[in-house]
Amino acid sequence: MADEDVQKELEQLRAENARLKSHRTGQISLRVSEKGGVSVYGLGRFPVTLYQEQWEKLLAHTQEIRAFIADNRDRLKKKT
């Protein structure tokens, strides 16, 4: 490979690396998984994937989950 080609590829890789790093700024994104589940990205290292019925069941208990977190806030840890 010529030096010009190496430099061009290096610039492309740096641009792609910067793009990928900027995507991890705590933003949450949703995707449909290969198996048809809903995957939530941006919460941690790995996505959280549940099927539609599971999400609906979980979301139906939103108030209960929030109350549980509030009641146990002193025992819960925060990820830093």
Protein backbone atom coordinates (compact mmCIF):
# COMPACT_ATOMS: atom_id res chain seq x y z
CA MET A 1 0.00 0.00 0.00
CA ALA A 2 1.16 3.49 -0.78
CA ASP A 3 1.58 6.02 2.01
CA GLU A 4 -1.36 8.01 0.62
CA ASP A 5 -3.63 4.97 0.84
CA VAL A 6 -2.53 4.26 4.39
CA GLN A 7 -3.16 7.88 5.42
CA LYS A 8 -6.59 7.87 3.75
CA GLU A 9 -7.57 4.64 5.49
CA LEU A 10 -6.27 5.96 8.82
CA GLU A 11 -8.39 9.10 8.46
CA GLN A 12 -11.46 7.00 7.64
CA LEU A 13 -10.89 4.78 10.66
CA ARG A 14 -10.43 7.79 12.93
CA ALA A 15 -13.66 9.33 11.64
CA GLU A 16 -15.53 6.05 12.17
CA ASN A 17 -14.05 5.70 15.65
CA ALA A 18 -15.17 9.23 16.55
CA ARG A 19 -18.65 8.51 15.21
CA LEU A 20 -18.93 5.32 17.25
CA LYS A 21 -17.70 7.03 20.41
CA SER A 22 -20.16 9.89 20.02
CA HIS A 23 -23.02 7.38 19.76
CA ARG A 24 -22.26 6.16 23.29
CA THR A 25 -23.10 9.46 24.99
CA GLY A 26 -25.84 7.92 27.10
CA GLN A 27 -28.42 8.10 24.38
CA ILE A 28 -30.96 5.31 24.34
CA SER A 29 -31.87 3.72 21.05
CA LEU A 30 -34.33 1.00 20.12
CA ARG A 31 -34.00 -1.73 17.52
CA VAL A 32 -35.83 -4.85 16.50
CA SER A 33 -33.62 -7.86 17.23
CA GLU A 34 -33.00 -10.71 14.81
CA LYS A 35 -35.52 -12.83 16.73
CA GLY A 36 -38.19 -10.12 16.73
CA GLY A 37 -37.67 -8.67 20.19
CA VAL A 38 -37.27 -5.03 21.16
CA SER A 39 -33.68 -4.22 22.10
CA VAL A 40 -32.82 -1.13 24.13
CA TYR A 41 -29.25 0.12 23.66
CA GLY A 42 -27.49 2.67 25.83
CA LEU A 43 -28.31 1.39 29.31
CA GLY A 44 -25.14 -0.60 29.80
CA ARG A 45 -22.56 -2.67 28.00
CA PHE A 46 -25.13 -5.00 26.48
CA PRO A 47 -28.62 -4.28 25.14
CA VAL A 48 -31.74 -5.20 27.08
CA THR A 49 -33.94 -7.33 24.83
CA LEU A 50 -37.48 -8.42 25.59
CA TYR A 51 -40.36 -9.51 23.41
CA GLN A 52 -43.33 -7.20 22.86
CA GLU A 53 -45.51 -8.95 25.46
CA GLN A 54 -42.73 -8.74 28.04
CA TRP A 55 -42.27 -4.99 27.47
CA GLU A 56 -46.01 -4.43 27.73
CA LYS A 57 -46.16 -6.39 30.98
CA LEU A 58 -43.18 -4.49 32.40
CA LEU A 59 -44.50 -1.09 31.32
CA ALA A 60 -47.87 -1.85 32.91
CA HIS A 61 -46.05 -1.91 36.26
CA THR A 62 -44.23 1.41 35.80
CA GLN A 63 -45.76 3.07 38.86
CA GLU A 64 -45.05 0.03 41.04
CA ILE A 65 -41.41 -0.04 39.88
CA ARG A 66 -40.97 3.70 40.53
CA ALA A 67 -42.50 3.33 44.01
CA PHE A 68 -40.23 0.37 44.77
CA ILE A 69 -37.16 2.36 43.74
CA ALA A 70 -38.26 5.33 45.85
CA ASP A 71 -38.92 3.10 48.87
CA ASN A 72 -35.53 1.40 48.57
CA ARG A 73 -33.41 4.32 47.39
CA ASP A 74 -31.17 4.11 50.47
CA ARG A 75 -30.26 0.47 49.70
CA LEU A 76 -29.85 0.84 45.94
CA LYS A 77 -26.57 1.69 44.28
CA LYS A 78 -26.02 4.01 41.34
CA LYS A 79 -23.71 3.07 38.52
CA THR A 80 -21.08 5.73 38.03
